[in-house]
Amino acid sequence: MVGGVNAVVLIQAEVDLIKELAQQLAELPGVAEVFSVAGQYDLVALVRVNENEQLADVISEKMRKLPGVRMTETLIAFRVYTKAEIAGAFDLGS
């Protein structure tokens, strides 16, 4: 789902729990994908829900309470661009 509310959640995790935490995150309703990454954060979760209230529930009530989550930073998307939308924007009707 591209419509609705989309967010990227950057997660700092307890190092020994990253794999288990990633699996638990991926099972949460609304979490579309979870990436293990290098750098300041350990995991990145893509969250896609229908309403802001659901976003608050997934992140504040479920995600942040999982064992191993040290800190989160949430980036709420204003717009989501897909390959299909970008290709359509340049389609000149040929």
PDB file of N, CA and C in Angstrom:
ATOM      1  N   MET A   1       0.854  -1.183   0.000  1.00  0.00           N
ATOM      2  CA  MET A   1       0.000   0.000   0.000  1.00  0.00           C
ATOM      3  C   MET A   1       0.890   1.232   0.000  1.00  0.00           C
ATOM      4  N   VAL A   2       0.757   2.086  -0.973  1.00  0.00           N
ATOM      5  CA  VAL A   2       1.528   3.317  -1.013  1.00  0.00           C
ATOM      6  C   VAL A   2       0.717   4.441  -0.371  1.00  0.00           C
ATOM      7  N   GLY A   3      -0.601   4.426  -0.511  1.00  0.00           N
ATOM      8  CA  GLY A   3      -1.445   5.427   0.120  1.00  0.00           C
ATOM      9  C   GLY A   3      -1.482   5.213   1.620  1.00  0.00           C
ATOM     10  N   GLY A   4      -2.209   6.047   2.330  1.00  0.00           N
ATOM     11  CA  GLY A   4      -2.257   5.913   3.774  1.00  0.00           C
ATOM     12  C   GLY A   4      -1.102   6.659   4.413  1.00  0.00           C
ATOM     13  N   VAL A   5      -0.626   6.134   5.528  1.00  0.00           N
ATOM     14  CA  VAL A   5       0.462   6.758   6.270  1.00  0.00           C
ATOM     15  C   VAL A   5       1.680   5.846   6.164  1.00  0.00           C
ATOM     16  N   ASN A   6       2.780   6.413   5.709  1.00  0.00           N
ATOM     17  CA  ASN A   6       4.018   5.667   5.549  1.00  0.00           C
ATOM     18  C   ASN A   6       5.093   6.298   6.413  1.00  0.00           C
ATOM     19  N   ALA A   7       5.899   5.447   7.058  1.00  0.00           N
ATOM     20  CA  ALA A   7       6.970   5.956   7.902  1.00  0.00           C
ATOM     21  C   ALA A   7       8.183   5.043   7.802  1.00  0.00           C
ATOM     22  N   VAL A   8       9.335   5.658   8.019  1.00  0.00           N
ATOM     23  CA  VAL A   8      10.591   4.940   8.123  1.00  0.00           C
ATOM     24  C   VAL A   8      11.014   5.077   9.581  1.00  0.00           C
ATOM     25  N   VAL A   9      11.253   3.945  10.241  1.00  0.00           N
ATOM     26  CA  VAL A   9      11.643   3.969  11.641  1.00  0.00           C
ATOM     27  C   VAL A   9      13.093   3.489  11.746  1.00  0.00           C
ATOM     28  N   LEU A  10      13.953   4.373  12.254  1.00  0.00           N
ATOM     29  CA  LEU A  10      15.362   4.063  12.463  1.00  0.00           C
ATOM     30  C   LEU A  10      15.505   3.565  13.889  1.00  0.00           C
ATOM     31  N   ILE A  11      16.164   2.418  14.060  1.00  0.00           N
ATOM     32  CA  ILE A  11      16.184   1.764  15.364  1.00  0.00           C
ATOM     33  C   ILE A  11      17.609   1.464  15.812  1.00  0.00           C
ATOM     34  N   GLN A  12      17.941   1.904  17.027  1.00  0.00           N
ATOM     35  CA  GLN A  12      19.169   1.471  17.673  1.00  0.00           C
ATOM     36  C   GLN A  12      18.773   0.318  18.581  1.00  0.00           C
ATOM     37  N   ALA A  13      19.533  -0.794  18.478  1.00  0.00           N
ATOM     38  CA  ALA A  13      19.165  -2.007  19.195  1.00  0.00           C
ATOM     39  C   ALA A  13      20.320  -2.542  20.024  1.00  0.00           C
ATOM     40  N   GLU A  14      19.980  -3.372  20.982  1.00  0.00           N
ATOM     41  CA  GLU A  14      20.992  -4.114  21.721  1.00  0.00           C
ATOM     42  C   GLU A  14      21.644  -5.069  20.726  1.00  0.00           C
ATOM     43  N   VAL A  15      22.967  -5.026  20.613  1.00  0.00           N
ATOM     44  CA  VAL A  15      23.687  -5.776  19.586  1.00  0.00           C
ATOM     45  C   VAL A  15      23.367  -7.271  19.619  1.00  0.00           C
ATOM     46  N   ASP A  16      23.285  -7.852  20.787  1.00  0.00           N
ATOM     47  CA  ASP A  16      23.039  -9.290  20.901  1.00  0.00           C
ATOM     48  C   ASP A  16      21.622  -9.696  20.516  1.00  0.00           C
ATOM     49  N   LEU A  17      20.735  -8.728  20.359  1.00  0.00           N
ATOM     50  CA  LEU A  17      19.327  -9.037  20.084  1.00  0.00           C
ATOM     51  C   LEU A  17      18.870  -8.596  18.699  1.00  0.00           C
ATOM     52  N   ILE A  18      19.770  -8.145  17.846  1.00  0.00           N
ATOM     53  CA  ILE A  18      19.374  -7.579  16.546  1.00  0.00           C
ATOM     54  C   ILE A  18      18.587  -8.575  15.703  1.00  0.00           C
ATOM     55  N   LYS A  19      19.077  -9.786  15.554  1.00  0.00           N
ATOM     56  CA  LYS A  19      18.399 -10.763  14.694  1.00  0.00           C
ATOM     57  C   LYS A  19      16.995 -11.079  15.209  1.00  0.00           C
ATOM     58  N   GLU A  20      16.882 -11.359  16.501  1.00  0.00           N
ATOM     59  CA  GLU A  20      15.571 -11.673  17.085  1.00  0.00           C
ATOM     60  C   GLU A  20      14.629 -10.479  16.999  1.00  0.00           C
ATOM     61  N   LEU A  21      15.166  -9.298  17.260  1.00  0.00           N
ATOM     62  CA  LEU A  21      14.362  -8.083  17.196  1.00  0.00           C
ATOM     63  C   LEU A  21      13.855  -7.843  15.778  1.00  0.00           C
ATOM     64  N   ALA A  22      14.713  -8.030  14.790  1.00  0.00           N
ATOM     65  CA  ALA A  22      14.304  -7.850  13.394  1.00  0.00           C
ATOM     66  C   ALA A  22      13.143  -8.780  13.049  1.00  0.00           C
ATOM     67  N   GLN A  23      13.214 -10.012  13.504  1.00  0.00           N
ATOM     68  CA  GLN A  23      12.137 -10.973  13.237  1.00  0.00           C
ATOM     69  C   GLN A  23      10.837 -10.553  13.923  1.00  0.00           C
ATOM     70  N   GLN A  24      10.938 -10.082  15.161  1.00  0.00           N
ATOM     71  CA  GLN A  24       9.744  -9.635  15.882  1.00  0.00           C
ATOM     72  C   GLN A  24       9.132  -8.399  15.219  1.00  0.00           C
ATOM     73  N   LEU A  25       9.980  -7.491  14.787  1.00  0.00           N
ATOM     74  CA  LEU A  25       9.494  -6.287  14.109  1.00  0.00           C
ATOM     75  C   LEU A  25       8.758  -6.642  12.830  1.00  0.00           C
ATOM     76  N   ALA A  26       9.322  -7.554  12.052  1.00  0.00           N
ATOM     77  CA  ALA A  26       8.727  -7.937  10.770  1.00  0.00           C
ATOM     78  C   ALA A  26       7.348  -8.568  10.942  1.00  0.00           C
ATOM     79  N   GLU A  27       7.076  -9.120  12.112  1.00  0.00           N
ATOM     80  CA  GLU A  27       5.785  -9.761  12.368  1.00  0.00           C
ATOM     81  C   GLU A  27       4.714  -8.786  12.845  1.00  0.00           C
ATOM     82  N   LEU A  28       5.094  -7.568  13.190  1.00  0.00           N
ATOM     83  CA  LEU A  28       4.110  -6.590  13.669  1.00  0.00           C
ATOM     84  C   LEU A  28       3.190  -6.162  12.545  1.00  0.00           C
ATOM     85  N   PRO A  29       1.888  -6.044  12.825  1.00  0.00           N
ATOM     86  CA  PRO A  29       0.966  -5.526  11.811  1.00  0.00           C
ATOM     87  C   PRO A  29       1.377  -4.118  11.401  1.00  0.00           C
ATOM     88  N   GLY A  30       1.421  -3.863  10.118  1.00  0.00           N
ATOM     89  CA  GLY A  30       1.786  -2.544   9.612  1.00  0.00           C
ATOM     90  C   GLY A  30       3.245  -2.428   9.220  1.00  0.00           C
ATOM     91  N   VAL A  31       4.088  -3.339   9.689  1.00  0.00           N
ATOM     92  CA  VAL A  31       5.500  -3.300   9.320  1.00  0.00           C
ATOM     93  C   VAL A  31       5.657  -4.061   8.009  1.00  0.00           C
ATOM     94  N   ALA A  32       6.049  -3.339   6.961  1.00  0.00           N
ATOM     95  CA  ALA A  32       6.171  -3.937   5.637  1.00  0.00           C
ATOM     96  C   ALA A  32       7.508  -4.640   5.442  1.00  0.00           C
ATOM     97  N   GLU A  33       8.585  -4.014   5.921  1.00  0.00           N
ATOM     98  CA  GLU A  33       9.924  -4.570   5.743  1.00  0.00           C
ATOM     99  C   GLU A  33      10.817  -4.105   6.884  1.00  0.00           C
ATOM    100  N   VAL A  34      11.837  -4.919   7.168  1.00  0.00           N
ATOM    101  CA  VAL A  34      12.845  -4.565   8.168  1.00  0.00           C
ATOM    102  C   VAL A  34      14.204  -4.838   7.550  1.00  0.00           C
ATOM    103  N   PHE A  35      15.113  -3.866   7.670  1.00  0.00           N
ATOM    104  CA  PHE A  35      16.461  -3.989   7.119  1.00  0.00           C
ATOM    105  C   PHE A  35      17.475  -3.922   8.245  1.00  0.00           C
ATOM    106  N   SER A  36      18.477  -4.771   8.190  1.00  0.00           N
ATOM    107  CA  SER A  36      19.635  -4.664   9.059  1.00  0.00           C
ATOM    108  C   SER A  36      20.611  -3.758   8.327  1.00  0.00           C
ATOM    109  N   VAL A  37      21.098  -2.719   8.999  1.00  0.00           N
ATOM    110  CA  VAL A  37      21.932  -1.722   8.318  1.00  0.00           C
ATOM    111  C   VAL A  37      23.194  -1.423   9.121  1.00  0.00           C
ATOM    112  N   ALA A  38      24.159  -0.809   8.444  1.00  0.00           N
ATOM    113  CA  ALA A  38      25.385  -0.359   9.095  1.00  0.00           C
ATOM    114  C   ALA A  38      25.271   1.130   9.379  1.00  0.00           C
ATOM    115  N   GLY A  39      25.986   1.598  10.383  1.00  0.00           N
ATOM    116  CA  GLY A  39      25.984   3.020  10.693  1.00  0.00           C
ATOM    117  C   GLY A  39      25.451   3.282  12.077  1.00  0.00           C
ATOM    118  N   GLN A  40      24.882   4.454  12.266  1.00  0.00           N
ATOM    119  CA  GLN A  40      24.392   4.894  13.568  1.00  0.00           C
ATOM    120  C   GLN A  40      23.230   4.037  14.065  1.00  0.00           C
ATOM    121  N   TYR A  41      22.451   3.488  13.138  1.00  0.00           N
ATOM    122  CA  TYR A  41      21.297   2.661  13.489  1.00  0.00           C
ATOM    123  C   TYR A  41      21.574   1.217  13.123  1.00  0.00           C
ATOM    124  N   ASP A  42      20.866   0.314  13.773  1.00  0.00           N
ATOM    125  CA  ASP A  42      21.055  -1.113  13.544  1.00  0.00           C
ATOM    126  C   ASP A  42      19.994  -1.700  12.621  1.00  0.00           C
ATOM    127  N   LEU A  43      18.775  -1.185  12.731  1.00  0.00           N
ATOM    128  CA  LEU A  43      17.656  -1.683  11.938  1.00  0.00           C
ATOM    129  C   LEU A  43      16.852  -0.508  11.389  1.00  0.00           C
ATOM    130  N   VAL A  44      16.227  -0.739  10.245  1.00  0.00           N
ATOM    131  CA  VAL A  44      15.306   0.233   9.654  1.00  0.00           C
ATOM    132  C   VAL A  44      14.020  -0.521   9.328  1.00  0.00           C
ATOM    133  N   ALA A  45      12.898   0.000   9.818  1.00  0.00           N
ATOM    134  CA  ALA A  45      11.604  -0.624   9.550  1.00  0.00           C
ATOM    135  C   ALA A  45      10.756   0.314   8.697  1.00  0.00           C
ATOM    136  N   LEU A  46      10.129  -0.240   7.661  1.00  0.00           N
ATOM    137  CA  LEU A  46       9.181   0.518   6.847  1.00  0.00           C
ATOM    138  C   LEU A  46       7.781   0.179   7.338  1.00  0.00           C
ATOM    139  N   VAL A  47       7.047   1.204   7.746  1.00  0.00           N
ATOM    140  CA  VAL A  47       5.712   1.003   8.304  1.00  0.00           C
ATOM    141  C   VAL A  47       4.695   1.629   7.367  1.00  0.00           C
ATOM    142  N   ARG A  48       3.670   0.849   7.038  1.00  0.00           N
ATOM    143  CA  ARG A  48       2.596   1.331   6.164  1.00  0.00           C
ATOM    144  C   ARG A  48       1.257   0.982   6.798  1.00  0.00           C
ATOM    145  N   VAL A  49       0.492   2.028   7.150  1.00  0.00           N
ATOM    146  CA  VAL A  49      -0.816   1.846   7.782  1.00  0.00           C
ATOM    147  C   VAL A  49      -1.812   2.811   7.143  1.00  0.00           C
ATOM    148  N   ASN A  50      -3.078   2.667   7.514  1.00  0.00           N
ATOM    149  CA  ASN A  50      -4.112   3.515   6.927  1.00  0.00           C
ATOM    150  C   ASN A  50      -4.248   4.877   7.594  1.00  0.00           C
ATOM    151  N   GLU A  51      -3.999   4.945   8.916  1.00  0.00           N
ATOM    152  CA  GLU A  51      -4.260   6.180   9.651  1.00  0.00           C
ATOM    153  C   GLU A  51      -3.141   6.466  10.657  1.00  0.00           C
ATOM    154  N   ASN A  52      -3.006   7.734  11.033  1.00  0.00           N
ATOM    155  CA  ASN A  52      -1.995   8.135  12.020  1.00  0.00           C
ATOM    156  C   ASN A  52      -2.150   7.386  13.339  1.00  0.00           C
ATOM    157  N   GLU A  53      -3.375   7.149  13.748  1.00  0.00           N
ATOM    158  CA  GLU A  53      -3.623   6.433  15.003  1.00  0.00           C
ATOM    159  C   GLU A  53      -2.982   5.048  14.976  1.00  0.00           C
ATOM    160  N   GLN A  54      -3.071   4.375  13.826  1.00  0.00           N
ATOM    161  CA  GLN A  54      -2.453   3.054  13.686  1.00  0.00           C
ATOM    162  C   GLN A  54      -0.927   3.165  13.755  1.00  0.00           C
ATOM    163  N   LEU A  55      -0.399   4.229  13.187  1.00  0.00           N
ATOM    164  CA  LEU A  55       1.047   4.454  13.229  1.00  0.00           C
ATOM    165  C   LEU A  55       1.510   4.599  14.673  1.00  0.00           C
ATOM    166  N   ALA A  56       0.789   5.368  15.444  1.00  0.00           N
ATOM    167  CA  ALA A  56       1.121   5.545  16.860  1.00  0.00           C
ATOM    168  C   ALA A  56       1.045   4.222  17.602  1.00  0.00           C
ATOM    169  N   ASP A  57       0.058   3.415  17.290  1.00  0.00           N
ATOM    170  CA  ASP A  57      -0.094   2.121  17.951  1.00  0.00           C
ATOM    171  C   ASP A  57       1.072   1.197  17.614  1.00  0.00           C
ATOM    172  N   VAL A  58       1.427   1.110  16.335  1.00  0.00           N
ATOM    173  CA  VAL A  58       2.515   0.215  15.914  1.00  0.00           C
ATOM    174  C   VAL A  58       3.841   0.649  16.525  1.00  0.00           C
ATOM    175  N   ILE A  59       4.150   1.938  16.453  1.00  0.00           N
ATOM    176  CA  ILE A  59       5.466   2.401  16.897  1.00  0.00           C
ATOM    177  C   ILE A  59       5.529   2.581  18.411  1.00  0.00           C
ATOM    178  N   SER A  60       4.628   3.366  18.958  1.00  0.00           N
ATOM    179  CA  SER A  60       4.703   3.682  20.394  1.00  0.00           C
ATOM    180  C   SER A  60       4.268   2.539  21.293  1.00  0.00           C
ATOM    181  N   GLU A  61       3.209   1.857  20.914  1.00  0.00           N
ATOM    182  CA  GLU A  61       2.659   0.831  21.789  1.00  0.00           C
ATOM    183  C   GLU A  61       3.271  -0.544  21.591  1.00  0.00           C
ATOM    184  N   LYS A  62       3.784  -0.825  20.405  1.00  0.00           N
ATOM    185  CA  LYS A  62       4.317  -2.166  20.146  1.00  0.00           C
ATOM    186  C   LYS A  62       5.820  -2.152  19.896  1.00  0.00           C
ATOM    187  N   MET A  63       6.255  -1.452  18.873  1.00  0.00           N
ATOM    188  CA  MET A  63       7.656  -1.483  18.446  1.00  0.00           C
ATOM    189  C   MET A  63       8.612  -1.035  19.553  1.00  0.00           C
ATOM    190  N   ARG A  64       8.353   0.101  20.151  1.00  0.00           N
ATOM    191  CA  ARG A  64       9.284   0.673  21.132  1.00  0.00           C
ATOM    192  C   ARG A  64       9.347  -0.133  22.427  1.00  0.00           C
ATOM    193  N   LYS A  65       8.359  -1.008  22.652  1.00  0.00           N
ATOM    194  CA  LYS A  65       8.326  -1.810  23.871  1.00  0.00           C
ATOM    195  C   LYS A  65       8.979  -3.174  23.706  1.00  0.00           C
ATOM    196  N   LEU A  66       9.435  -3.503  22.500  1.00  0.00           N
ATOM    197  CA  LEU A  66      10.070  -4.799  22.284  1.00  0.00           C
ATOM    198  C   LEU A  66      11.421  -4.848  22.983  1.00  0.00           C
ATOM    199  N   PRO A  67      11.762  -5.990  23.584  1.00  0.00           N
ATOM    200  CA  PRO A  67      13.072  -6.134  24.214  1.00  0.00           C
ATOM    201  C   PRO A  67      14.183  -5.942  23.181  1.00  0.00           C
ATOM    202  N   GLY A  68      15.165  -5.150  23.537  1.00  0.00           N
ATOM    203  CA  GLY A  68      16.291  -4.917  22.641  1.00  0.00           C
ATOM    204  C   GLY A  68      16.253  -3.576  21.936  1.00  0.00           C
ATOM    205  N   VAL A  69      15.104  -2.900  21.939  1.00  0.00           N
ATOM    206  CA  VAL A  69      15.012  -1.577  21.312  1.00  0.00           C
ATOM    207  C   VAL A  69      15.598  -0.554  22.284  1.00  0.00           C
ATOM    208  N   ARG A  70      16.660   0.111  21.869  1.00  0.00           N
ATOM    209  CA  ARG A  70      17.283   1.135  22.713  1.00  0.00           C
ATOM    210  C   ARG A  70      16.718   2.512  22.411  1.00  0.00           C
ATOM    211  N   MET A  71      16.500   2.797  21.119  1.00  0.00           N
ATOM    212  CA  MET A  71      16.020   4.116  20.704  1.00  0.00           C
ATOM    213  C   MET A  71      15.427   4.012  19.314  1.00  0.00           C
ATOM    214  N   THR A  72      14.428   4.841  19.034  1.00  0.00           N
ATOM    215  CA  THR A  72      13.877   4.909  17.677  1.00  0.00           C
ATOM    216  C   THR A  72      13.800   6.365  17.235  1.00  0.00           C
ATOM    217  N   GLU A  73      13.847   6.537  15.924  1.00  0.00           N
ATOM    218  CA  GLU A  73      13.601   7.840  15.310  1.00  0.00           C
ATOM    219  C   GLU A  73      12.673   7.578  14.136  1.00  0.00           C
ATOM    220  N   THR A  74      11.548   8.279  14.109  1.00  0.00           N
ATOM    221  CA  THR A  74      10.532   8.033  13.087  1.00  0.00           C
ATOM    222  C   THR A  74      10.498   9.172  12.087  1.00  0.00           C
ATOM    223  N   LEU A  75      10.564   8.805  10.812  1.00  0.00           N
ATOM    224  CA  LEU A  75      10.447   9.758   9.715  1.00  0.00           C
ATOM    225  C   LEU A  75       9.128   9.479   9.005  1.00  0.00           C
ATOM    226  N   ILE A  76       8.175  10.402   9.105  1.00  0.00           N
ATOM    227  CA  ILE A  76       6.881  10.223   8.450  1.00  0.00           C
ATOM    228  C   ILE A  76       6.977  10.769   7.035  1.00  0.00           C
ATOM    229  N   ALA A  77       6.569   9.958   6.076  1.00  0.00           N
ATOM    230  CA  ALA A  77       6.667  10.343   4.668  1.00  0.00           C
ATOM    231  C   ALA A  77       5.510  11.262   4.280  1.00  0.00           C
ATOM    232  N   PHE A  78       5.839  12.361   3.602  1.00  0.00           N
ATOM    233  CA  PHE A  78       4.806  13.235   3.040  1.00  0.00           C
ATOM    234  C   PHE A  78       4.275  12.649   1.744  1.00  0.00           C
ATOM    235  N   ARG A  79       5.190  12.139   0.917  1.00  0.00           N
ATOM    236  CA  ARG A  79       4.833  11.523  -0.360  1.00  0.00           C
ATOM    237  C   ARG A  79       5.696  10.285  -0.545  1.00  0.00           C
ATOM    238  N   VAL A  80       5.148   9.317  -1.272  1.00  0.00           N
ATOM    239  CA  VAL A  80       5.898   8.114  -1.617  1.00  0.00           C
ATOM    240  C   VAL A  80       5.950   8.042  -3.128  1.00  0.00           C
ATOM    241  N   TYR A  81       7.141   7.891  -3.660  1.00  0.00           N
ATOM    242  CA  TYR A  81       7.331   7.795  -5.096  1.00  0.00           C
ATOM    243  C   TYR A  81       7.692   6.364  -5.458  1.00  0.00           C
ATOM    244  N   THR A  82       6.984   5.799  -6.416  1.00  0.00           N
ATOM    245  CA  THR A  82       7.287   4.453  -6.884  1.00  0.00           C
ATOM    246  C   THR A  82       7.810   4.526  -8.309  1.00  0.00           C
ATOM    247  N   LYS A  83       8.436   3.457  -8.765  1.00  0.00           N
ATOM    248  CA  LYS A  83       8.936   3.416 -10.140  1.00  0.00           C
ATOM    249  C   LYS A  83       7.811   3.630 -11.135  1.00  0.00           C
ATOM    250  N   ALA A  84       6.660   3.019 -10.877  1.00  0.00           N
ATOM    251  CA  ALA A  84       5.522   3.146 -11.792  1.00  0.00           C
ATOM    252  C   ALA A  84       5.043   4.593 -11.890  1.00  0.00           C
ATOM    253  N   GLU A  85       4.975   5.289 -10.760  1.00  0.00           N
ATOM    254  CA  GLU A  85       4.531   6.687 -10.765  1.00  0.00           C
ATOM    255  C   GLU A  85       5.532   7.569 -11.476  1.00  0.00           C
ATOM    256  N   ILE A  86       6.816   7.339 -11.253  1.00  0.00           N
ATOM    257  CA  ILE A  86       7.847   8.125 -11.896  1.00  0.00           C
ATOM    258  C   ILE A  86       7.845   7.895 -13.402  1.00  0.00           C
ATOM    259  N   ALA A  87       7.711   6.645 -13.815  1.00  0.00           N
ATOM    260  CA  ALA A  87       7.659   6.328 -15.245  1.00  0.00           C
ATOM    261  C   ALA A  87       6.439   6.979 -15.879  1.00  0.00           C
ATOM    262  N   GLY A  88       5.296   6.966 -15.189  1.00  0.00           N
ATOM    263  CA  GLY A  88       4.074   7.569 -15.697  1.00  0.00           C
ATOM    264  C   GLY A  88       4.202   9.083 -15.851  1.00  0.00           C
ATOM    265  N   ALA A  89       4.976   9.704 -14.992  1.00  0.00           N
ATOM    266  CA  ALA A  89       5.154  11.161 -15.047  1.00  0.00           C
ATOM    267  C   ALA A  89       5.909  11.567 -16.312  1.00  0.00           C
ATOM    268  N   PHE A  90       6.711  10.656 -16.833  1.00  0.00           N
ATOM    269  CA  PHE A  90       7.516  10.968 -18.029  1.00  0.00           C
ATOM    270  C   PHE A  90       6.942  10.343 -19.283  1.00  0.00           C
ATOM    271  N   ASP A  91       5.793   9.682 -19.163  1.00  0.00           N
ATOM    272  CA  ASP A  91       5.151   9.083 -20.332  1.00  0.00           C
ATOM    273  C   ASP A  91       4.486  10.173 -21.139  1.00  0.00           C
ATOM    274  N   LEU A  92       4.972  10.359 -22.345  1.00  0.00           N
ATOM    275  CA  LEU A  92       4.463  11.429 -23.213  1.00  0.00           C
ATOM    276  C   LEU A  92       3.412  10.926 -24.178  1.00  0.00           C
ATOM    277  N   GLY A  93       2.861   9.730 -23.902  1.00  0.00           N
ATOM    278  CA  GLY A  93       1.805   9.218 -24.749  1.00  0.00           C
ATOM    279  C   GLY A  93       2.301   8.682 -26.077  1.00  0.00           C
ATOM    280  N   SER A  94       3.541   8.219 -26.122  1.00  0.00           N
ATOM    281  CA  SER A  94       4.081   7.709 -27.382  1.00  0.00           C
ATOM    282  C   SER A  94       3.581   6.358 -27.726  1.00  0.00           C
TER     283      SER A  94
END
